[in-house]
């Protein structure tokens, strides 16, 4: 049995709301980790920061290559520019509490 288009639209609205909540939770989680790592105190261009995050994501996905910092850009592109190097681990003096 086929669903009427109005029902499908309702489902799309509900799914979009669920997606927005999920993205908010993910952003808050990543933001907390970034702040604990000291990224909130670093003056860095947003494109460079995104490129660094793309490189980290690629590392955990098993990909290699440099990121571009451009949304939707393919990791490993020749046009990558200068991506920021991100040190992993806690900042000096960070005890892991708080």
PDB file of N, CA and C in Angstrom:
ATOM      1  N   UNK A   1       0.840  -1.166   0.000  1.00  0.00           N
ATOM      2  CA  UNK A   1       0.000   0.000   0.000  1.00  0.00           C
ATOM      3  C   UNK A   1       0.898   1.245   0.000  1.00  0.00           C
ATOM      4  N   UNK A   2       0.591   2.191  -0.841  1.00  0.00           N
ATOM      5  CA  UNK A   2       1.372   3.419  -0.955  1.00  0.00           C
ATOM      6  C   UNK A   2       0.932   4.435   0.088  1.00  0.00           C
ATOM      7  N   UNK A   3       1.894   5.200   0.570  1.00  0.00           N
ATOM      8  CA  UNK A   3       1.602   6.255   1.532  1.00  0.00           C
ATOM      9  C   UNK A   3       1.226   7.524   0.779  1.00  0.00           C
ATOM     10  N   UNK A   4       0.290   8.290   1.311  1.00  0.00           N
ATOM     11  CA  UNK A   4      -0.008   9.582   0.687  1.00  0.00           C
ATOM     12  C   UNK A   4       1.167  10.543   0.889  1.00  0.00           C
ATOM     13  N   UNK A   5       1.312  11.478  -0.016  1.00  0.00           N
ATOM     14  CA  UNK A   5       2.446  12.403   0.043  1.00  0.00           C
ATOM     15  C   UNK A   5       2.440  13.219   1.331  1.00  0.00           C
ATOM     16  N   UNK A   6       1.275  13.533   1.872  1.00  0.00           N
ATOM     17  CA  UNK A   6       1.218  14.302   3.120  1.00  0.00           C
ATOM     18  C   UNK A   6       1.856  13.520   4.270  1.00  0.00           C
ATOM     19  N   UNK A   7       1.643  12.222   4.309  1.00  0.00           N
ATOM     20  CA  UNK A   7       2.231  11.373   5.339  1.00  0.00           C
ATOM     21  C   UNK A   7       3.757  11.324   5.188  1.00  0.00           C
ATOM     22  N   UNK A   8       4.224  11.224   3.971  1.00  0.00           N
ATOM     23  CA  UNK A   8       5.666  11.210   3.702  1.00  0.00           C
ATOM     24  C   UNK A   8       6.289  12.540   4.136  1.00  0.00           C
ATOM     25  N   UNK A   9       5.612  13.662   3.848  1.00  0.00           N
ATOM     26  CA  UNK A   9       6.120  14.976   4.257  1.00  0.00           C
ATOM     27  C   UNK A   9       6.215  15.074   5.776  1.00  0.00           C
ATOM     28  N   UNK A  10       5.208  14.548   6.482  1.00  0.00           N
ATOM     29  CA  UNK A  10       5.233  14.538   7.950  1.00  0.00           C
ATOM     30  C   UNK A  10       6.435  13.751   8.458  1.00  0.00           C
ATOM     31  N   UNK A  11       6.679  12.612   7.852  1.00  0.00           N
ATOM     32  CA  UNK A  11       7.819  11.782   8.258  1.00  0.00           C
ATOM     33  C   UNK A  11       9.131  12.504   7.997  1.00  0.00           C
ATOM     34  N   UNK A  12       9.211  13.215   6.883  1.00  0.00           N
ATOM     35  CA  UNK A  12      10.430  13.965   6.550  1.00  0.00           C
ATOM     36  C   UNK A  12      10.674  15.044   7.602  1.00  0.00           C
ATOM     37  N   UNK A  13       9.627  15.752   8.006  1.00  0.00           N
ATOM     38  CA  UNK A  13       9.770  16.793   9.027  1.00  0.00           C
ATOM     39  C   UNK A  13      10.251  16.180  10.340  1.00  0.00           C
ATOM     40  N   UNK A  14       9.689  15.037  10.716  1.00  0.00           N
ATOM     41  CA  UNK A  14      10.105  14.362  11.953  1.00  0.00           C
ATOM     42  C   UNK A  14      11.561  13.902  11.862  1.00  0.00           C
ATOM     43  N   UNK A  15      11.928  13.346  10.721  1.00  0.00           N
ATOM     44  CA  UNK A  15      13.313  12.897  10.544  1.00  0.00           C
ATOM     45  C   UNK A  15      14.289  14.066  10.554  1.00  0.00           C
ATOM     46  N   UNK A  16      13.895  15.206   9.975  1.00  0.00           N
ATOM     47  CA  UNK A  16      14.767  16.383   9.990  1.00  0.00           C
ATOM     48  C   UNK A  16      14.980  16.883  11.412  1.00  0.00           C
ATOM     49  N   UNK A  17      13.924  16.823  12.230  1.00  0.00           N
ATOM     50  CA  UNK A  17      14.048  17.227  13.631  1.00  0.00           C
ATOM     51  C   UNK A  17      14.978  16.266  14.377  1.00  0.00           C
ATOM     52  N   UNK A  18      14.837  14.970  14.118  1.00  0.00           N
ATOM     53  CA  UNK A  18      15.712  13.976  14.744  1.00  0.00           C
ATOM     54  C   UNK A  18      17.163  14.191  14.321  1.00  0.00           C
ATOM     55  N   UNK A  19      17.368  14.495  13.037  1.00  0.00           N
ATOM     56  CA  UNK A  19      18.713  14.738  12.515  1.00  0.00           C
ATOM     57  C   UNK A  19      19.335  15.958  13.189  1.00  0.00           C
ATOM     58  N   UNK A  20      18.555  17.013  13.332  1.00  0.00           N
ATOM     59  CA  UNK A  20      19.063  18.224  13.963  1.00  0.00           C
ATOM     60  C   UNK A  20      19.487  17.946  15.407  1.00  0.00           C
ATOM     61  N   UNK A  21      18.680  17.193  16.150  1.00  0.00           N
ATOM     62  CA  UNK A  21      19.035  16.835  17.527  1.00  0.00           C
ATOM     63  C   UNK A  21      20.300  15.984  17.577  1.00  0.00           C
ATOM     64  N   UNK A  22      20.407  15.017  16.677  1.00  0.00           N
ATOM     65  CA  UNK A  22      21.587  14.148  16.639  1.00  0.00           C
ATOM     66  C   UNK A  22      22.837  14.954  16.308  1.00  0.00           C
ATOM     67  N   UNK A  23      22.734  15.871  15.345  1.00  0.00           N
ATOM     68  CA  UNK A  23      23.883  16.700  14.977  1.00  0.00           C
ATOM     69  C   UNK A  23      24.288  17.616  16.126  1.00  0.00           C
ATOM     70  N   UNK A  24      23.302  18.129  16.858  1.00  0.00           N
ATOM     71  CA  UNK A  24      23.594  18.979  18.012  1.00  0.00           C
ATOM     72  C   UNK A  24      24.334  18.199  19.081  1.00  0.00           C
ATOM     73  N   UNK A  25      23.870  16.986  19.371  1.00  0.00           N
ATOM     74  CA  UNK A  25      24.559  16.151  20.362  1.00  0.00           C
ATOM     75  C   UNK A  25      25.990  15.865  19.931  1.00  0.00           C
ATOM     76  N   UNK A  26      26.171  15.527  18.648  1.00  0.00           N
ATOM     77  CA  UNK A  26      27.508  15.228  18.135  1.00  0.00           C
ATOM     78  C   UNK A  26      28.411  16.458  18.209  1.00  0.00           C
ATOM     79  N   UNK A  27      27.871  17.613  17.839  1.00  0.00           N
ATOM     80  CA  UNK A  27      28.661  18.849  17.865  1.00  0.00           C
ATOM     81  C   UNK A  27      29.071  19.199  19.290  1.00  0.00           C
ATOM     82  N   UNK A  28      28.155  19.027  20.235  1.00  0.00           N
ATOM     83  CA  UNK A  28      28.489  19.302  21.628  1.00  0.00           C
ATOM     84  C   UNK A  28      29.573  18.358  22.133  1.00  0.00           C
ATOM     85  N   UNK A  29      29.478  17.095  21.776  1.00  0.00           N
ATOM     86  CA  UNK A  29      30.480  16.106  22.198  1.00  0.00           C
ATOM     87  C   UNK A  29      31.852  16.458  21.634  1.00  0.00           C
ATOM     88  N   UNK A  30      31.896  16.734  20.337  1.00  0.00           N
ATOM     89  CA  UNK A  30      33.168  17.065  19.694  1.00  0.00           C
ATOM     90  C   UNK A  30      33.705  18.387  20.231  1.00  0.00           C
ATOM     91  N   UNK A  31      32.814  19.333  20.472  1.00  0.00           N
ATOM     92  CA  UNK A  31      33.227  20.617  21.031  1.00  0.00           C
ATOM     93  C   UNK A  31      33.849  20.474  22.405  1.00  0.00           C
ATOM     94  N   UNK A  32      33.240  19.643  23.253  1.00  0.00           N
ATOM     95  CA  UNK A  32      33.804  19.416  24.588  1.00  0.00           C
ATOM     96  C   UNK A  32      35.201  18.812  24.488  1.00  0.00           C
ATOM     97  N   UNK A  33      35.366  17.842  23.603  1.00  0.00           N
ATOM     98  CA  UNK A  33      36.679  17.202  23.437  1.00  0.00           C
ATOM     99  C   UNK A  33      37.695  18.216  22.905  1.00  0.00           C
ATOM    100  N   UNK A  34      37.284  19.027  21.943  1.00  0.00           N
ATOM    101  CA  UNK A  34      38.183  20.033  21.372  1.00  0.00           C
ATOM    102  C   UNK A  34      38.613  21.041  22.430  1.00  0.00           C
ATOM    103  N   UNK A  35      37.687  21.462  23.282  1.00  0.00           N
ATOM    104  CA  UNK A  35      38.030  22.406  24.339  1.00  0.00           C
ATOM    105  C   UNK A  35      38.980  21.782  25.352  1.00  0.00           C
ATOM    106  N   UNK A  36      38.742  20.529  25.705  1.00  0.00           N
ATOM    107  CA  UNK A  36      39.640  19.834  26.637  1.00  0.00           C
ATOM    108  C   UNK A  36      41.046  19.717  26.053  1.00  0.00           C
ATOM    109  N   UNK A  37      41.121  19.590  24.737  1.00  0.00           N
ATOM    110  CA  UNK A  37      42.420  19.477  24.072  1.00  0.00           C
ATOM    111  C   UNK A  37      43.096  20.833  23.897  1.00  0.00           C
ATOM    112  N   UNK A  38      42.406  21.918  24.243  1.00  0.00           N
ATOM    113  CA  UNK A  38      42.995  23.243  24.166  1.00  0.00           C
ATOM    114  C   UNK A  38      42.750  23.982  22.870  1.00  0.00           C
ATOM    115  N   UNK A  39      41.871  23.476  22.006  1.00  0.00           N
ATOM    116  CA  UNK A  39      41.646  24.141  20.716  1.00  0.00           C
ATOM    117  C   UNK A  39      40.916  25.470  20.842  1.00  0.00           C
ATOM    118  N   UNK A  40      40.217  25.684  21.941  1.00  0.00           N
ATOM    119  CA  UNK A  40      39.514  26.944  22.136  1.00  0.00           C
ATOM    120  C   UNK A  40      40.444  28.117  22.334  1.00  0.00           C
ATOM    121  N   UNK A  41      41.662  27.847  22.713  1.00  0.00           N
ATOM    122  CA  UNK A  41      42.640  28.895  23.009  1.00  0.00           C
ATOM    123  C   UNK A  41      43.557  29.198  21.830  1.00  0.00           C
ATOM    124  N   UNK A  42      43.388  28.488  20.738  1.00  0.00           N
ATOM    125  CA  UNK A  42      44.274  28.636  19.582  1.00  0.00           C
ATOM    126  C   UNK A  42      43.612  29.512  18.525  1.00  0.00           C
ATOM    127  N   UNK A  43      44.363  30.497  18.040  1.00  0.00           N
ATOM    128  CA  UNK A  43      43.895  31.331  16.929  1.00  0.00           C
ATOM    129  C   UNK A  43      44.189  30.564  15.644  1.00  0.00           C
ATOM    130  N   UNK A  44      43.138  30.077  14.976  1.00  0.00           N
ATOM    131  CA  UNK A  44      43.328  29.292  13.756  1.00  0.00           C
ATOM    132  C   UNK A  44      42.172  29.574  12.801  1.00  0.00           C
ATOM    133  N   UNK A  45      42.484  29.675  11.544  1.00  0.00           N
ATOM    134  CA  UNK A  45      41.489  29.885  10.507  1.00  0.00           C
ATOM    135  C   UNK A  45      40.526  28.698  10.483  1.00  0.00           C
ATOM    136  N   UNK A  46      39.252  28.967  10.318  1.00  0.00           N
ATOM    137  CA  UNK A  46      38.258  27.897  10.339  1.00  0.00           C
ATOM    138  C   UNK A  46      38.503  26.851   9.247  1.00  0.00           C
ATOM    139  N   UNK A  47      38.956  27.276   8.088  1.00  0.00           N
ATOM    140  CA  UNK A  47      39.261  26.331   7.005  1.00  0.00           C
ATOM    141  C   UNK A  47      40.400  25.394   7.376  1.00  0.00           C
ATOM    142  N   UNK A  48      41.431  25.947   8.030  1.00  0.00           N
ATOM    143  CA  UNK A  48      42.550  25.112   8.468  1.00  0.00           C
ATOM    144  C   UNK A  48      42.112  24.129   9.547  1.00  0.00           C
ATOM    145  N   UNK A  49      41.262  24.609  10.456  1.00  0.00           N
ATOM    146  CA  UNK A  49      40.767  23.742  11.523  1.00  0.00           C
ATOM    147  C   UNK A  49      39.915  22.612  10.947  1.00  0.00           C
ATOM    148  N   UNK A  50      39.063  22.952   9.976  1.00  0.00           N
ATOM    149  CA  UNK A  50      38.250  21.916   9.343  1.00  0.00           C
ATOM    150  C   UNK A  50      39.130  20.907   8.618  1.00  0.00           C
ATOM    151  N   UNK A  51      40.168  21.392   7.949  1.00  0.00           N
ATOM    152  CA  UNK A  51      41.090  20.483   7.252  1.00  0.00           C
ATOM    153  C   UNK A  51      41.745  19.530   8.237  1.00  0.00           C
ATOM    154  N   UNK A  52      42.133  20.055   9.395  1.00  0.00           N
ATOM    155  CA  UNK A  52      42.756  19.207  10.406  1.00  0.00           C
ATOM    156  C   UNK A  52      41.767  18.163  10.912  1.00  0.00           C
ATOM    157  N   UNK A  53      40.527  18.573  11.128  1.00  0.00           N
ATOM    158  CA  UNK A  53      39.506  17.622  11.562  1.00  0.00           C
ATOM    159  C   UNK A  53      39.256  16.561  10.485  1.00  0.00           C
ATOM    160  N   UNK A  54      39.279  16.961   9.218  1.00  0.00           N
ATOM    161  CA  UNK A  54      39.092  15.996   8.131  1.00  0.00           C
ATOM    162  C   UNK A  54      40.229  14.981   8.102  1.00  0.00           C
ATOM    163  N   UNK A  55      41.442  15.455   8.372  1.00  0.00           N
ATOM    164  CA  UNK A  55      42.576  14.535   8.425  1.00  0.00           C
ATOM    165  C   UNK A  55      42.412  13.543   9.573  1.00  0.00           C
ATOM    166  N   UNK A  56      41.966  14.040  10.715  1.00  0.00           N
ATOM    167  CA  UNK A  56      41.736  13.161  11.862  1.00  0.00           C
ATOM    168  C   UNK A  56      40.655  12.142  11.523  1.00  0.00           C
ATOM    169  N   UNK A  57      39.563  12.608  10.931  1.00  0.00           N
ATOM    170  CA  UNK A  57      38.477  11.697  10.555  1.00  0.00           C
ATOM    171  C   UNK A  57      38.983  10.647   9.569  1.00  0.00           C
ATOM    172  N   UNK A  58      39.787  11.071   8.607  1.00  0.00           N
ATOM    173  CA  UNK A  58      40.353  10.135   7.637  1.00  0.00           C
ATOM    174  C   UNK A  58      41.238   9.102   8.298  1.00  0.00           C
ATOM    175  N   UNK A  59      41.996   9.539   9.292  1.00  0.00           N
ATOM    176  CA  UNK A  59      42.874   8.611  10.011  1.00  0.00           C
ATOM    177  C   UNK A  59      42.060   7.527  10.698  1.00  0.00           C
ATOM    178  N   UNK A  60      40.961   7.907  11.316  1.00  0.00           N
ATOM    179  CA  UNK A  60      40.133   6.931  12.015  1.00  0.00           C
ATOM    180  C   UNK A  60      39.297   6.089  11.056  1.00  0.00           C
ATOM    181  N   UNK A  61      39.092   6.577   9.843  1.00  0.00           N
ATOM    182  CA  UNK A  61      38.388   5.793   8.827  1.00  0.00           C
ATOM    183  C   UNK A  61      39.355   4.932   8.034  1.00  0.00           C
ATOM    184  N   UNK A  62      40.641   5.091   8.252  1.00  0.00           N
ATOM    185  CA  UNK A  62      41.640   4.301   7.549  1.00  0.00           C
ATOM    186  C   UNK A  62      42.051   4.898   6.219  1.00  0.00           C
ATOM    187  N   UNK A  63      41.749   6.187   6.008  1.00  0.00           N
ATOM    188  CA  UNK A  63      42.140   6.853   4.771  1.00  0.00           C
ATOM    189  C   UNK A  63      43.425   7.615   5.011  1.00  0.00           C
ATOM    190  N   UNK A  64      44.101   7.949   3.926  1.00  0.00           N
ATOM    191  CA  UNK A  64      45.296   8.773   4.052  1.00  0.00           C
ATOM    192  C   UNK A  64      45.174   9.952   3.115  1.00  0.00           C
ATOM    193  N   UNK A  65      46.070  10.884   3.260  1.00  0.00           N
ATOM    194  CA  UNK A  65      46.054  12.052   2.398  1.00  0.00           C
ATOM    195  C   UNK A  65      45.697  13.286   3.191  1.00  0.00           C
ATOM    196  N   UNK A  66      45.836  14.418   2.545  1.00  0.00           N
ATOM    197  CA  UNK A  66      45.578  15.700   3.198  1.00  0.00           C
ATOM    198  C   UNK A  66      44.172  16.159   2.885  1.00  0.00           C
ATOM    199  N   UNK A  67      43.594  16.897   3.806  1.00  0.00           N
ATOM    200  CA  UNK A  67      42.255  17.451   3.635  1.00  0.00           C
ATOM    201  C   UNK A  67      42.360  18.881   3.120  1.00  0.00           C
ATOM    202  N   UNK A  68      41.274  19.383   2.580  1.00  0.00           N
ATOM    203  CA  UNK A  68      41.263  20.725   2.015  1.00  0.00           C
ATOM    204  C   UNK A  68      40.640  21.759   2.925  1.00  0.00           C
ATOM    205  N   UNK A  69      39.821  21.325   3.868  1.00  0.00           N
ATOM    206  CA  UNK A  69      39.113  22.269   4.713  1.00  0.00           C
ATOM    207  C   UNK A  69      37.878  22.831   4.044  1.00  0.00           C
ATOM    208  N   UNK A  70      37.528  22.298   2.888  1.00  0.00           N
ATOM    209  CA  UNK A  70      36.338  22.736   2.166  1.00  0.00           C
ATOM    210  C   UNK A  70      35.284  21.656   2.275  1.00  0.00           C
ATOM    211  N   UNK A  71      34.064  22.066   2.633  1.00  0.00           N
ATOM    212  CA  UNK A  71      32.986  21.106   2.816  1.00  0.00           C
ATOM    213  C   UNK A  71      32.766  20.318   1.528  1.00  0.00           C
ATOM    214  N   UNK A  72      32.688  19.012   1.682  1.00  0.00           N
ATOM    215  CA  UNK A  72      32.436  18.147   0.538  1.00  0.00           C
ATOM    216  C   UNK A  72      33.656  17.863  -0.302  1.00  0.00           C
ATOM    217  N   UNK A  73      34.797  18.418   0.088  1.00  0.00           N
ATOM    218  CA  UNK A  73      36.007  18.194  -0.688  1.00  0.00           C
ATOM    219  C   UNK A  73      36.532  16.789  -0.435  1.00  0.00           C
ATOM    220  N   UNK A  74      37.126  16.227  -1.441  1.00  0.00           N
ATOM    221  CA  UNK A  74      37.657  14.870  -1.336  1.00  0.00           C
ATOM    222  C   UNK A  74      38.979  14.880  -0.592  1.00  0.00           C
ATOM    223  N   UNK A  75      39.109  14.004   0.379  1.00  0.00           N
ATOM    224  CA  UNK A  75      40.368  13.886   1.118  1.00  0.00           C
ATOM    225  C   UNK A  75      41.419  13.330   0.169  1.00  0.00           C
ATOM    226  N   UNK A  76      42.597  13.962   0.207  1.00  0.00           N
ATOM    227  CA  UNK A  76      43.673  13.513  -0.655  1.00  0.00           C
ATOM    228  C   UNK A  76      43.761  14.339  -1.936  1.00  0.00           C
ATOM    229  N   UNK A  77      42.964  15.392  -2.047  1.00  0.00           N
ATOM    230  CA  UNK A  77      42.966  16.250  -3.222  1.00  0.00           C
ATOM    231  C   UNK A  77      44.325  16.927  -3.366  1.00  0.00           C
ATOM    232  N   UNK A  78      44.760  17.171  -4.589  1.00  0.00           N
ATOM    233  CA  UNK A  78      46.030  17.864  -4.817  1.00  0.00           C
ATOM    234  C   UNK A  78      45.945  19.320  -4.413  1.00  0.00           C
ATOM    235  N   UNK A  79      44.743  19.884  -4.392  1.00  0.00           N
ATOM    236  CA  UNK A  79      44.497  21.275  -4.077  1.00  0.00           C
ATOM    237  C   UNK A  79      44.402  21.523  -2.578  1.00  0.00           C
ATOM    238  N   UNK A  80      45.050  20.728  -1.785  1.00  0.00           N
ATOM    239  CA  UNK A  80      44.803  20.741  -0.351  1.00  0.00           C
ATOM    240  C   UNK A  80      45.287  21.995   0.366  1.00  0.00           C
ATOM    241  N   UNK A  81      46.232  22.730  -0.151  1.00  0.00           N
ATOM    242  CA  UNK A  81      46.725  23.899   0.555  1.00  0.00           C
ATOM    243  C   UNK A  81      47.524  23.495   1.774  1.00  0.00           C
ATOM    244  N   UNK A  82      47.613  24.390   2.728  1.00  0.00           N
ATOM    245  CA  UNK A  82      48.371  24.110   3.949  1.00  0.00           C
ATOM    246  C   UNK A  82      47.421  23.745   5.066  1.00  0.00           C
ATOM    247  N   UNK A  83      47.384  22.501   5.430  1.00  0.00           N
ATOM    248  CA  UNK A  83      46.542  22.059   6.533  1.00  0.00           C
ATOM    249  C   UNK A  83      47.320  22.190   7.831  1.00  0.00           C
ATOM    250  N   UNK A  84      46.586  22.500   8.896  1.00  0.00           N
ATOM    251  CA  UNK A  84      47.223  22.653  10.204  1.00  0.00           C
ATOM    252  C   UNK A  84      47.568  21.299  10.791  1.00  0.00           C
ATOM    253  N   UNK A  85      48.704  21.250  11.476  1.00  0.00           N
ATOM    254  CA  UNK A  85      49.081  20.028  12.169  1.00  0.00           C
ATOM    255  C   UNK A  85      48.432  20.069  13.543  1.00  0.00           C
ATOM    256  N   UNK A  86      47.758  19.006  13.924  1.00  0.00           N
ATOM    257  CA  UNK A  86      47.088  18.946  15.208  1.00  0.00           C
ATOM    258  C   UNK A  86      47.773  17.899  16.061  1.00  0.00           C
ATOM    259  N   UNK A  87      48.241  18.322  17.217  1.00  0.00           N
ATOM    260  CA  UNK A  87      48.849  17.398  18.167  1.00  0.00           C
ATOM    261  C   UNK A  87      47.735  16.692  18.914  1.00  0.00           C
ATOM    262  N   UNK A  88      47.879  15.396  19.131  1.00  0.00           N
ATOM    263  CA  UNK A  88      46.881  14.661  19.873  1.00  0.00           C
ATOM    264  C   UNK A  88      47.288  14.558  21.326  1.00  0.00           C
ATOM    265  N   UNK A  89      46.316  14.243  22.158  1.00  0.00           N
ATOM    266  CA  UNK A  89      46.580  14.108  23.582  1.00  0.00           C
ATOM    267  C   UNK A  89      46.183  15.362  24.330  1.00  0.00           C
ATOM    268  N   UNK A  90      46.295  15.302  25.628  1.00  0.00           N
ATOM    269  CA  UNK A  90      45.904  16.413  26.482  1.00  0.00           C
ATOM    270  C   UNK A  90      46.967  17.502  26.454  1.00  0.00           C
ATOM    271  N   UNK A  91      46.550  18.763  26.639  1.00  0.00           N
ATOM    272  CA  UNK A  91      47.525  19.852  26.694  1.00  0.00           C
ATOM    273  C   UNK A  91      48.383  19.739  27.946  1.00  0.00           C
ATOM    274  N   UNK A  92      49.536  20.366  27.907  1.00  0.00           N
ATOM    275  CA  UNK A  92      50.444  20.318  29.051  1.00  0.00           C
ATOM    276  C   UNK A  92      49.735  20.827  30.293  1.00  0.00           C
ATOM    277  N   UNK A  93      49.879  20.117  31.378  1.00  0.00           N
ATOM    278  CA  UNK A  93      49.272  20.520  32.629  1.00  0.00           C
ATOM    279  C   UNK A  93      47.830  20.081  32.787  1.00  0.00           C
ATOM    280  N   UNK A  94      47.267  19.408  31.793  1.00  0.00           N
ATOM    281  CA  UNK A  94      45.879  18.971  31.869  1.00  0.00           C
ATOM    282  C   UNK A  94      45.825  17.628  32.590  1.00  0.00           C
ATOM    283  N   UNK A  95      45.026  17.561  33.663  1.00  0.00           N
ATOM    284  CA  UNK A  95      44.974  16.340  34.472  1.00  0.00           C
ATOM    285  C   UNK A  95      43.876  15.389  34.050  1.00  0.00           C
ATOM    286  N   UNK A  96      42.974  15.826  33.160  1.00  0.00           N
ATOM    287  CA  UNK A  96      41.885  14.970  32.725  1.00  0.00           C
ATOM    288  C   UNK A  96      40.659  15.096  33.606  1.00  0.00           C
ATOM    289  N   UNK A  97      40.736  15.967  34.589  1.00  0.00           N
ATOM    290  CA  UNK A  97      39.592  16.177  35.474  1.00  0.00           C
ATOM    291  C   UNK A  97      38.860  17.426  35.052  1.00  0.00           C
ATOM    292  N   UNK A  98      37.542  17.436  35.331  1.00  0.00           N
ATOM    293  CA  UNK A  98      36.796  18.665  35.089  1.00  0.00           C
ATOM    294  C   UNK A  98      35.849  18.563  34.037  1.00  0.00           C
TER     295      UNK A  98
END
